[in-house]
Amino acid sequence: MKSLHSLSRSKVLPALGILLAAPIAAMADEADVVRFSEIAKKHKKVVVPIPSEIFNVLDKFDVARNDWRDELKVPERETCRDRNQYALFLGRVVAEGFLAVEAQDREAIRSIGRTVLSVAEELGLRSAVIKHTKAIIDEANDGDWSAVREEFDATRQTVRDEMEKRRDQDLAQCVSVGGWIRGTEIITALINRDYSAKKSEILHQPQLLDHFTTTFKEVRSFQKSPRMKKIIAGLDKLQPLMTDEGVISKQRVADIQSISAQLRKETLTP
């Protein structure tokens, strides 16, 4: 959802997610199939998304702008109970941002930008992201979508630097997982509309699932949170579906979609 080239073939965006809506014209040739696990790079145990690579993956799905818009679920500002919940929600919102860029939806970008700033303020990150968010909104208003993409990359660098300063890896993992869950939900919906074994290969993410599952189970505070327990249980369900060898069948894609959609409703919505 190359977090989502992720972890260099195994880490991924959260934000990542990624996706579309209507049937996609085939994904180039087999060599061009890119996995979510190849969309981010691991930075000191934190999955850091690489926006430029996420957009490259999304571009391979030849989908009309209106179809991208059909998949958008622009979330409003929500009040969360704790910082982990805000971080999960932020990851989900960022995933919607990638969709909005593909759809070239100015209004969605403005709405998502406002929500990002609001959530970032709750996490003490507003000052770090405000200039990027404003630039993204301004460039979208001007219709300069190439500049919008470049600004996403600049934002990644800023967020990475901020994570280093704060050493808040648990929070960063929540952002990553929130985006990945939403991205997985969308990509599976898309693949199911026009299934092929080649397209479903993007869902094979053994290293990424192992990373997320292991990391979340190691954080003691997560074991005490009902919300985090649901995420851990969901990751456990997804792991065999997305890591076993062999073709990921249409039924498995549907199962992955169902689990990720349920996780979004139960854990990414305050």
Foldseek 3Di string as FASTA:
>chain_A
DLLCCWQVQFHHVQLHADAWAAAFDDQPDLVRQAARGRQFHQDPLFTFGQLVVRVVNNVSRPDALVRLVVLADQDAADDDDDLLLLLLLLSQLSNSCSSCLSSLPLVSLVRSLVNNLVSCVVVVNNVLCVVLSVQLNVCSVVVNSVVNSVSVNVSSVSVSVVCVVVVPRSSSLSSRNSSHLNSLLRLLNRCLNPPDLSSCLNLQHQNHLVSSLVVLVPDVVLVVDPLSVLVNVLSVVCNCLRHDDDGNDNVSSVVSNVSSVVNCVRRNHD
